[in-house]
Amino acid sequence: MEISESTWAFIAKHRREDVRDVALHAKHDGDVDVPFALEQIAGWQRASLKLPDWASHDGLIFPPQVPMEQCSSQFTAQYKARLAQRLLAKEAVDDADDSPTSLVDLTGGFGVDFSYMSRVFDHAIYVEQQSILCGIARHNFPILGLGHAEVINDDSTAVLDTLGRASMIFLDPARRDDHGSRTYAIADCTPDVLTLKDTLLAKAPTVMAKLSPMLDWHKTVADFAGAVHEVHIVSTGNECKELLLVLGRGRCASPLVVCVNDGQVLSYKAGDNSDNQTPISDSALVACNTCNTEDLPAEESANGFDSSHWKYLYEPNASIMKAGCFDVLEQRFAVHHISPNSHLFVAAEPIADFPGRSFVIESIVTMNKKELKQLLAGLTHANIAVRNFPLSVAQLRKKLKLKDGGNTYLFATTDLKGRHLVLRTEKRKSGSL
């Protein structure tokens, strides 16, 4: 790609400015490629938030908006690199093979995942069907220090057919149909990892597939009929971003499940009393969130039951919620479900490493008017969450006449006996016991 020095200078000068203002007001020489410069300024600005390592390198070319939006974040890409390194080390121990290692990324895209994962291997092949992305990759990889990377502009399945032995194959199937709409089912993605499973594993002993976090991972594991050895549910900022499957050649009846949310990691073997949950259906949630408060049964006083051991409240992170491993939480952290469908836990003692948010419980009341009045004394603002409760957040906020925000957190839920409870809490400070 031939880009003039004037264009690069223009990009460097204006990349921290509002792109719209630059387009309207910036002065530039005649040999500046303005459309390209504006695209690069916008791309660099997105990268500075999503890929700070990349943004720190001068001279990188960023693709149009859609590939940038779809690419992995730095955190998730680095996680896959660490995972690849561990899997590669395990394979080396099992095989005692000291031959050069190789990675094949059959769905290269913008190359973010490839750029981090490839550093773990002696040789790495980037495969991408779109010629423009291949051109960008050929430009960017040397700047990123990936001199061992090979770029192939071709269809992934065509390359797979001719591929020799590889240490690992990575795929991130395209999750958009011919009309640009999002799709999530494996069979609707390109390429279809499920159909290609046997071919992939014939070429490499380890295959890593990045799939939509919207998938039911239990069903997905079952669909692969024992080929899934590990399941990684990856979140950052308490937002579930990726579902990673590690496929292997030997049949695995109980894959390792790893739940990650930034620095929080929980792992367990699927089937260890963790897969017998009965989640509430979406329709049931809608039904219970729209019922009329006038239809609620009369509440008995919170003083009528023993909540003396409810000193701390724990809310699992997004990856734990996706995994549904609530029995594992109870076993490992000595916490107790408020109810099976609340997904909120209580404990008598503080827990330092719980994978989620933790709160100090100040008081617990029912929906009894007198108790609610005591709960709300001096309170004008609160953060409100509902779990298995007959009112939505908006309905409850209106009923309690509270504004959003502040340091108080109210959790409304239903206990094992069907009592509707409101817990007033404050977030525990990090590291406090």
Protein backbone atom coordinates (compact mmCIF):
# COMPACT_ATOMS: atom_id res chain seq x y z
CA MET A 1 0.00 0.00 0.00
CA GLU A 2 1.41 3.31 -1.16
CA ILE A 3 0.56 6.12 1.24
CA SER A 4 2.17 9.54 0.91
CA GLU A 5 4.22 11.08 3.70
CA SER A 6 1.84 14.04 3.66
CA THR A 7 -1.09 11.73 4.37
CA TRP A 8 0.73 10.09 7.29
CA ALA A 9 1.67 13.53 8.65
CA PHE A 10 -1.94 14.68 8.35
CA ILE A 11 -3.13 11.58 10.26
CA ALA A 12 -0.56 12.07 13.02
CA LYS A 13 -1.45 15.74 13.40
CA HIS A 14 -5.23 15.27 13.65
CA ARG A 15 -5.78 11.77 15.09
CA ARG A 16 -6.83 13.06 18.51
CA GLU A 17 -9.41 15.46 17.07
CA ASP A 18 -13.07 14.93 16.26
CA VAL A 19 -13.20 13.32 12.82
CA ARG A 20 -16.18 15.44 11.78
CA ASP A 21 -14.34 18.64 12.65
CA VAL A 22 -11.27 17.47 10.78
CA ALA A 23 -13.38 16.73 7.70
CA LEU A 24 -14.91 20.20 7.77
CA HIS A 25 -12.10 22.47 8.87
CA ALA A 26 -8.64 20.92 8.61
CA LYS A 27 -6.25 22.49 6.11
CA HIS A 28 -4.20 20.10 4.06
CA ASP A 29 -1.95 19.86 1.03
CA GLY A 30 -3.21 18.62 -2.31
CA ASP A 31 -1.50 15.22 -2.11
CA VAL A 32 -3.24 14.23 1.14
CA ASP A 33 -5.65 11.32 0.66
CA VAL A 34 -8.40 12.84 2.82
CA PRO A 35 -10.95 9.95 2.78
CA PHE A 36 -8.21 7.48 3.76
CA ALA A 37 -6.85 9.85 6.42
CA LEU A 38 -10.26 10.34 8.01
CA GLU A 39 -10.84 6.57 8.03
CA GLN A 40 -7.46 6.05 9.74
CA ILE A 41 -8.09 8.75 12.33
CA ALA A 42 -11.41 7.13 13.25
CA GLY A 43 -9.76 3.69 13.30
CA TRP A 44 -6.91 4.85 15.53
CA GLN A 45 -9.36 6.42 17.96
CA ARG A 46 -11.32 3.15 18.23
CA ALA A 47 -8.05 1.21 18.60
CA SER A 48 -6.78 3.52 21.36
CA LEU A 49 -9.68 2.28 23.50
CA LYS A 50 -9.96 -1.31 22.31
CA LEU A 51 -6.35 -2.08 21.30
CA PRO A 52 -3.96 0.29 23.10
CA ASP A 53 -0.93 -1.85 22.16
CA TRP A 54 -1.77 -1.49 18.49
CA ALA A 55 -2.50 2.21 18.84
CA SER A 56 1.01 2.72 20.24
CA HIS A 57 2.57 1.63 16.91
CA ASP A 58 2.96 4.33 14.29
CA GLY A 59 2.16 3.46 10.70
CA LEU A 60 -0.50 0.79 11.22
CA ILE A 61 -3.42 0.74 8.82
CA PHE A 62 -6.90 0.28 10.27
CA PRO A 63 -9.75 -1.27 8.28
CA PRO A 64 -13.24 0.17 7.78
CA GLN A 65 -15.58 0.46 10.75
CA VAL A 66 -17.31 -2.95 10.62
CA PRO A 67 -14.12 -5.10 10.89
CA MET A 68 -12.93 -2.86 13.73
CA GLU A 69 -16.19 -3.33 15.61
CA GLN A 70 -16.07 -7.11 15.13
CA CYS A 71 -12.42 -7.67 16.08
CA SER A 72 -11.33 -8.91 19.49
CA SER A 73 -10.34 -6.55 22.25
CA GLN A 74 -6.77 -6.56 23.52
CA PHE A 75 -7.84 -8.37 26.70
CA THR A 76 -9.61 -11.23 24.93
CA ALA A 77 -6.82 -11.58 22.35
CA GLN A 78 -4.17 -11.75 25.06
CA TYR A 79 -6.25 -14.33 26.90
CA LYS A 80 -6.33 -16.54 23.81
CA ALA A 81 -2.56 -16.18 23.47
CA ARG A 82 -2.03 -17.38 27.05
CA LEU A 83 -4.46 -20.24 26.47
CA ALA A 84 -2.65 -21.22 23.26
CA GLN A 85 0.67 -21.19 25.11
CA ARG A 86 -0.67 -23.52 27.82
CA LEU A 87 -2.24 -25.89 25.30
CA LEU A 88 0.94 -25.94 23.24
CA ALA A 89 3.06 -26.73 26.30
CA LYS A 90 0.70 -29.56 27.26
CA GLU A 91 0.83 -30.99 23.76
CA ALA A 92 4.63 -30.86 23.78
CA VAL A 93 4.76 -32.82 27.05
CA ASP A 94 2.29 -35.41 25.79
CA ASP A 95 4.07 -35.91 22.44
CA ALA A 96 7.66 -35.18 23.43
CA ASP A 97 7.96 -33.56 20.00
CA ASP A 98 10.59 -30.84 19.57
CA SER A 99 9.76 -29.99 15.94
CA PRO A 100 8.85 -26.35 15.08
CA THR A 101 5.39 -25.33 16.18
CA SER A 102 2.83 -23.78 13.87
CA LEU A 103 -0.47 -21.90 14.11
CA VAL A 104 -3.01 -21.65 11.30
CA ASP A 105 -5.68 -18.96 11.64
CA LEU A 106 -8.28 -19.85 9.02
CA THR A 107 -10.37 -16.71 9.60
CA GLY A 108 -7.74 -13.98 9.94
CA GLY A 109 -9.97 -10.89 9.72
CA PHE A 110 -8.23 -7.77 10.98
CA GLY A 111 -5.59 -10.02 12.55
CA VAL A 112 -5.88 -9.03 16.22
CA ASP A 113 -6.20 -12.55 17.61
CA PHE A 114 -3.54 -13.74 15.18
CA SER A 115 -1.11 -11.00 16.19
CA TYR A 116 -1.11 -12.13 19.83
CA MET A 117 -1.47 -15.89 19.39
CA SER A 118 1.17 -16.16 16.66
CA ARG A 119 3.92 -15.00 19.04
CA VAL A 120 3.60 -18.31 20.88
CA PHE A 121 4.51 -20.33 17.74
CA ASP A 122 7.59 -20.75 15.57
CA HIS A 123 5.56 -20.26 12.39
CA ALA A 124 2.10 -18.81 11.83
CA ILE A 125 -0.22 -18.71 8.82
CA TYR A 126 -2.92 -16.07 8.45
CA VAL A 127 -5.73 -17.00 6.04
CA GLU A 128 -8.31 -14.46 4.90
CA GLN A 129 -10.68 -14.42 1.92
CA GLN A 130 -10.95 -10.61 1.67
CA SER A 131 -8.02 -9.24 -0.30
CA ILE A 132 -8.22 -5.79 1.33
CA LEU A 133 -7.73 -7.32 4.79
CA CYS A 134 -4.82 -9.40 3.50
CA GLY A 135 -3.21 -6.23 2.16
CA ILE A 136 -3.63 -4.57 5.55
CA ALA A 137 -2.17 -7.64 7.28
CA ARG A 138 0.90 -7.66 4.99
CA HIS A 139 1.44 -4.01 5.87
CA ASN A 140 0.80 -4.30 9.61
CA PHE A 141 2.48 -7.56 10.62
CA PRO A 142 6.09 -6.39 10.08
CA ILE A 143 5.35 -3.24 12.09
CA LEU A 144 4.01 -5.44 14.90
CA GLY A 145 7.17 -7.56 14.82
CA LEU A 146 5.54 -10.63 13.23
CA GLY A 147 8.28 -11.53 10.80
CA HIS A 148 7.37 -15.23 11.02
CA ALA A 149 3.82 -14.67 9.75
CA GLU A 150 2.65 -15.89 6.35
CA VAL A 151 -0.41 -14.28 4.72
CA ILE A 152 -2.63 -16.35 2.41
CA ASN A 153 -5.51 -14.72 0.52
CA ASP A 154 -7.89 -17.63 -0.06
CA ASP A 155 -11.02 -19.41 1.13
CA SER A 156 -10.55 -21.13 4.48
CA THR A 157 -11.95 -24.49 3.42
CA ALA A 158 -9.79 -24.52 0.29
CA VAL A 159 -6.68 -23.90 2.41
CA LEU A 160 -7.79 -26.55 4.91
CA ASP A 161 -7.99 -29.17 2.17
CA THR A 162 -4.35 -28.63 1.20
CA LEU A 163 -2.99 -27.89 4.67
CA GLY A 164 -0.20 -30.01 6.13
CA ARG A 165 0.18 -30.80 9.83
CA ALA A 166 -0.20 -27.87 12.22
CA SER A 167 0.20 -27.58 15.97
CA MET A 168 -3.02 -25.61 16.34
CA ILE A 169 -5.83 -24.30 14.16
CA PHE A 170 -7.82 -21.24 15.18
CA LEU A 171 -11.20 -20.20 13.77
CA ASP A 172 -13.47 -17.26 14.38
CA PRO A 173 -16.35 -18.00 11.98
CA ALA A 174 -18.14 -15.06 10.42
CA ARG A 175 -21.41 -14.47 12.25
CA ARG A 176 -23.21 -12.40 9.63
CA ASP A 177 -25.38 -13.68 6.81
CA ASP A 178 -25.40 -12.53 3.18
CA HIS A 179 -27.54 -9.53 4.15
CA GLY A 180 -25.20 -8.38 6.94
CA SER A 181 -27.52 -9.50 9.74
CA ARG A 182 -26.07 -11.18 12.83
CA THR A 183 -26.35 -14.93 13.14
CA TYR A 184 -25.39 -17.16 16.05
CA ALA A 185 -26.05 -20.83 15.23
CA ILE A 186 -22.88 -22.71 14.32
CA ALA A 187 -24.43 -24.06 11.12
CA ASP A 188 -25.22 -20.50 9.97
CA CYS A 189 -21.64 -19.27 10.47
CA THR A 190 -18.83 -19.41 7.92
CA PRO A 191 -17.03 -21.76 8.05
CA ASP A 192 -19.19 -24.35 9.83
CA VAL A 193 -16.85 -25.66 12.54
CA LEU A 194 -19.18 -28.51 13.44
CA THR A 195 -19.24 -29.90 9.91
CA LEU A 196 -15.46 -29.48 9.56
CA LYS A 197 -14.64 -30.94 13.00
CA ASP A 198 -13.09 -34.20 11.82
CA THR A 199 -11.09 -32.55 9.04
CA LEU A 200 -9.76 -29.89 11.42
CA LEU A 201 -8.65 -32.46 13.99
CA ALA A 202 -7.01 -34.55 11.29
CA LYS A 203 -4.80 -31.55 10.48
CA ALA A 204 -4.05 -30.42 14.05
CA PRO A 205 -4.28 -32.09 17.48
CA THR A 206 -5.75 -28.92 18.97
CA VAL A 207 -8.41 -26.65 17.49
CA MET A 208 -9.61 -23.43 19.13
CA ALA A 209 -12.93 -22.02 17.96
CA LYS A 210 -14.30 -18.62 18.93
CA LEU A 211 -18.10 -18.69 18.92
CA SER A 212 -20.94 -16.38 19.86
CA PRO A 213 -21.47 -15.93 23.61
CA MET A 214 -25.20 -16.12 22.82
CA LEU A 215 -24.94 -19.88 22.23
CA ASP A 216 -26.14 -22.44 24.77
CA TRP A 217 -22.74 -23.92 25.59
CA HIS A 218 -24.20 -27.12 27.06
CA LYS A 219 -25.97 -27.89 23.78
CA THR A 220 -22.90 -26.85 21.79
CA VAL A 221 -20.69 -29.25 23.74
CA ALA A 222 -23.23 -32.03 23.19
CA ASP A 223 -23.34 -31.26 19.45
CA PHE A 224 -19.58 -31.84 19.19
CA ALA A 225 -20.05 -35.34 20.65
CA GLY A 226 -17.03 -35.51 22.96
CA ALA A 227 -14.60 -33.45 20.86
CA VAL A 228 -14.76 -30.46 23.24
CA HIS A 229 -12.02 -30.69 25.88
CA GLU A 230 -12.31 -27.16 27.29
CA VAL A 231 -14.93 -24.41 27.36
CA HIS A 232 -13.82 -20.85 28.09
CA ILE A 233 -16.44 -18.19 28.80
CA VAL A 234 -14.63 -14.87 28.58
CA SER A 235 -15.98 -11.58 29.93
CA THR A 236 -14.47 -8.18 30.47
CA GLY A 237 -16.08 -5.32 32.36
CA ASN A 238 -18.73 -7.86 33.43
CA GLU A 239 -19.90 -8.24 29.83
CA CYS A 240 -19.71 -11.67 28.25
CA LYS A 241 -17.67 -11.34 25.04
CA GLU A 242 -16.61 -14.76 23.80
CA LEU A 243 -17.26 -18.46 23.99
CA LEU A 244 -14.08 -20.40 23.24
CA LEU A 245 -14.12 -24.13 22.56
CA VAL A 246 -10.95 -26.20 22.62
CA LEU A 247 -11.35 -29.32 20.51
CA GLY A 248 -9.10 -32.36 20.83
CA ARG A 249 -8.71 -35.78 19.26
CA GLY A 250 -9.52 -37.93 22.25
CA ARG A 251 -13.13 -38.21 23.42
CA CYS A 252 -13.79 -36.10 26.51
CA ALA A 253 -16.88 -36.79 28.62
CA SER A 254 -16.36 -33.92 31.14
CA PRO A 255 -14.69 -30.87 29.59
CA LEU A 256 -12.94 -28.27 31.69
CA VAL A 257 -15.06 -25.11 32.01
CA VAL A 258 -13.23 -21.85 32.69
CA CYS A 259 -15.14 -18.67 33.58
CA VAL A 260 -13.12 -15.49 33.14
CA ASN A 261 -14.03 -11.90 33.94
CA ASP A 262 -10.92 -9.71 33.81
CA GLY A 263 -8.82 -10.93 36.76
CA GLN A 264 -11.49 -13.27 38.13
CA VAL A 265 -11.10 -16.92 37.07
CA LEU A 266 -13.15 -19.95 38.12
CA SER A 267 -12.64 -23.40 36.59
CA TYR A 268 -14.38 -26.72 37.12
CA LYS A 269 -15.17 -29.96 35.35
CA ALA A 270 -18.55 -29.99 33.63
CA GLY A 271 -20.80 -32.50 35.33
CA ASP A 272 -19.43 -31.94 38.86
CA ASN A 273 -22.89 -31.13 40.25
CA SER A 274 -22.91 -27.96 38.23
CA ASP A 275 -25.06 -28.70 35.23
CA ASN A 276 -28.39 -29.47 36.85
CA GLN A 277 -29.79 -25.96 37.00
CA THR A 278 -33.26 -25.13 35.71
CA PRO A 279 -33.14 -21.56 34.37
CA ILE A 280 -36.24 -19.39 34.06
CA SER A 281 -37.37 -19.04 30.47
CA ASP A 282 -37.45 -15.62 28.81
CA SER A 283 -41.23 -15.78 28.64
CA ALA A 284 -41.46 -16.52 32.34
CA LEU A 285 -39.22 -13.57 33.13
CA VAL A 286 -41.39 -11.27 31.05
CA ALA A 287 -44.51 -12.57 32.79
CA CYS A 288 -43.18 -12.02 36.31
CA ASN A 289 -41.76 -8.61 35.50
CA THR A 290 -45.05 -7.22 34.26
CA CYS A 291 -47.48 -8.38 36.91
CA ASN A 292 -49.50 -5.87 38.87
CA THR A 293 -48.39 -5.01 42.40
CA GLU A 294 -51.99 -5.14 43.52
CA ASP A 295 -51.98 -8.88 42.82
CA LEU A 296 -49.12 -9.60 45.20
CA PRO A 297 -49.92 -11.58 48.35
CA ALA A 298 -49.74 -9.86 51.71
CA GLU A 299 -46.16 -9.84 52.97
CA GLU A 300 -45.19 -11.23 56.32
CA SER A 301 -42.68 -9.24 58.29
CA ALA A 302 -38.97 -9.76 57.65
CA ASN A 303 -38.70 -10.10 61.39
CA GLY A 304 -40.59 -13.37 61.06
CA PHE A 305 -37.63 -15.29 59.65
CA ASP A 306 -34.00 -15.70 60.64
CA SER A 307 -31.68 -13.72 58.43
CA SER A 308 -28.97 -13.26 61.05
CA HIS A 309 -26.46 -15.12 58.87
CA TRP A 310 -27.18 -12.81 55.93
CA LYS A 311 -24.31 -10.38 56.45
CA TYR A 312 -22.89 -10.24 52.94
CA LEU A 313 -24.48 -10.40 49.50
CA TYR A 314 -22.68 -11.82 46.45
CA GLU A 315 -23.60 -11.36 42.80
CA PRO A 316 -21.78 -13.65 40.31
CA ASN A 317 -20.06 -12.10 37.31
CA ALA A 318 -21.32 -12.41 33.73
CA SER A 319 -19.24 -15.51 32.89
CA ILE A 320 -20.51 -17.37 35.95
CA MET A 321 -24.07 -16.46 35.02
CA LYS A 322 -23.48 -17.75 31.50
CA ALA A 323 -21.96 -20.98 32.80
CA GLY A 324 -24.77 -21.55 35.30
CA CYS A 325 -22.35 -23.16 37.75
CA PHE A 326 -24.17 -22.04 40.89
CA ASP A 327 -23.66 -25.31 42.76
CA VAL A 328 -19.91 -24.88 42.28
CA LEU A 329 -20.10 -21.45 43.92
CA GLU A 330 -21.89 -22.87 46.96
CA GLN A 331 -19.38 -25.68 47.29
CA ARG A 332 -16.25 -23.56 46.96
CA PHE A 333 -17.12 -20.34 48.70
CA ALA A 334 -19.46 -21.31 51.54
CA VAL A 335 -22.22 -19.09 50.19
CA HIS A 336 -25.92 -19.89 50.02
CA HIS A 337 -28.52 -19.27 47.34
CA ILE A 338 -31.29 -16.93 48.42
CA SER A 339 -33.37 -19.06 46.05
CA PRO A 340 -32.57 -21.23 43.02
CA ASN A 341 -33.73 -18.60 40.54
CA SER A 342 -32.36 -15.50 42.25
CA HIS A 343 -28.71 -16.12 41.38
CA LEU A 344 -27.86 -14.07 44.45
CA PHE A 345 -25.88 -15.52 47.33
CA VAL A 346 -25.48 -14.66 50.99
CA ALA A 347 -22.86 -15.50 53.59
CA ALA A 348 -22.07 -14.79 57.21
CA GLU A 349 -18.42 -13.97 56.54
CA PRO A 350 -16.65 -11.83 53.94
CA ILE A 351 -15.13 -13.73 51.01
CA ALA A 352 -12.03 -12.21 49.44
CA ASP A 353 -11.95 -13.96 46.07
CA PHE A 354 -15.61 -14.41 45.11
CA PRO A 355 -15.96 -14.21 41.29
CA GLY A 356 -18.34 -11.29 41.13
CA ARG A 357 -19.48 -8.27 43.11
CA SER A 358 -19.84 -8.28 46.88
CA PHE A 359 -21.91 -6.10 49.18
CA VAL A 360 -22.40 -5.51 52.90
CA ILE A 361 -26.04 -6.04 53.88
CA GLU A 362 -27.38 -3.17 55.98
CA SER A 363 -31.00 -4.28 56.31
CA ILE A 364 -33.58 -6.69 54.89
CA VAL A 365 -37.30 -6.02 54.58
CA THR A 366 -40.35 -7.37 52.81
CA MET A 367 -42.70 -5.29 50.68
CA ASN A 368 -44.60 -4.42 53.87
CA LYS A 369 -45.23 -0.66 53.77
CA LYS A 370 -43.98 -0.05 57.30
CA GLU A 371 -40.77 -1.97 56.69
CA LEU A 372 -40.19 -0.24 53.37
CA LYS A 373 -40.55 3.13 55.07
CA GLN A 374 -37.84 2.16 57.56
CA LEU A 375 -35.61 0.87 54.74
CA LEU A 376 -35.91 4.11 52.79
CA ALA A 377 -35.30 6.45 55.73
CA GLY A 378 -32.98 9.24 54.56
CA LEU A 379 -32.60 7.68 51.11
CA THR A 380 -33.11 9.69 47.91
CA HIS A 381 -30.90 7.78 45.46
CA ALA A 382 -30.14 4.08 45.00
CA ASN A 383 -28.90 1.58 42.46
CA ILE A 384 -31.65 -1.02 42.03
CA ALA A 385 -31.47 -4.60 40.74
CA VAL A 386 -34.21 -7.23 40.62
CA ARG A 387 -33.69 -10.99 40.57
CA ASN A 388 -36.69 -13.34 40.33
CA PHE A 389 -38.98 -10.54 41.49
CA PRO A 390 -42.49 -9.56 40.32
CA LEU A 391 -41.54 -5.96 39.49
CA SER A 392 -39.13 -4.54 36.95
CA VAL A 393 -36.43 -2.08 38.00
CA ALA A 394 -38.46 0.81 36.57
CA GLN A 395 -41.62 -0.31 38.41
CA LEU A 396 -39.82 -0.72 41.71
CA ARG A 397 -38.00 2.60 41.38
CA LYS A 398 -41.34 4.34 40.77
CA LYS A 399 -42.92 2.59 43.75
CA LEU A 400 -40.05 3.51 46.07
CA LYS A 401 -39.75 7.07 44.67
CA LEU A 402 -35.97 6.86 44.35
CA LYS A 403 -33.61 8.44 41.86
CA ASP A 404 -30.83 6.44 40.25
CA GLY A 405 -27.28 6.55 41.63
CA GLY A 406 -25.55 7.00 44.96
CA ASN A 407 -23.68 4.50 47.15
CA THR A 408 -26.67 2.40 48.18
CA TYR A 409 -27.58 -0.77 46.28
CA LEU A 410 -31.05 -2.29 46.60
CA PHE A 411 -31.57 -5.89 45.55
CA ALA A 412 -35.15 -7.09 45.24
CA THR A 413 -35.66 -10.84 45.08
CA THR A 414 -37.78 -13.76 46.25
CA ASP A 415 -36.59 -16.25 48.86
CA LEU A 416 -37.14 -20.00 49.09
CA LYS A 417 -40.51 -19.52 50.80
CA GLY A 418 -41.79 -17.15 48.13
CA ARG A 419 -41.34 -13.97 50.19
CA HIS A 420 -40.55 -10.83 48.24
CA LEU A 421 -37.53 -9.21 49.87
CA VAL A 422 -35.58 -5.99 49.43
CA LEU A 423 -31.98 -5.97 50.65
CA ARG A 424 -30.31 -2.64 51.33
CA THR A 425 -26.57 -2.93 50.78
CA GLU A 426 -23.36 -1.05 50.14
CA LYS A 427 -20.61 -2.27 47.85
CA ARG A 428 -17.63 -3.76 49.66
CA LYS A 429 -14.37 -1.96 49.08
CA SER A 430 -11.80 -3.96 47.13
CA GLY A 431 -9.62 -6.03 49.46
CA SER A 432 -11.72 -5.31 52.56
CA LEU A 433 -12.63 -8.11 54.95
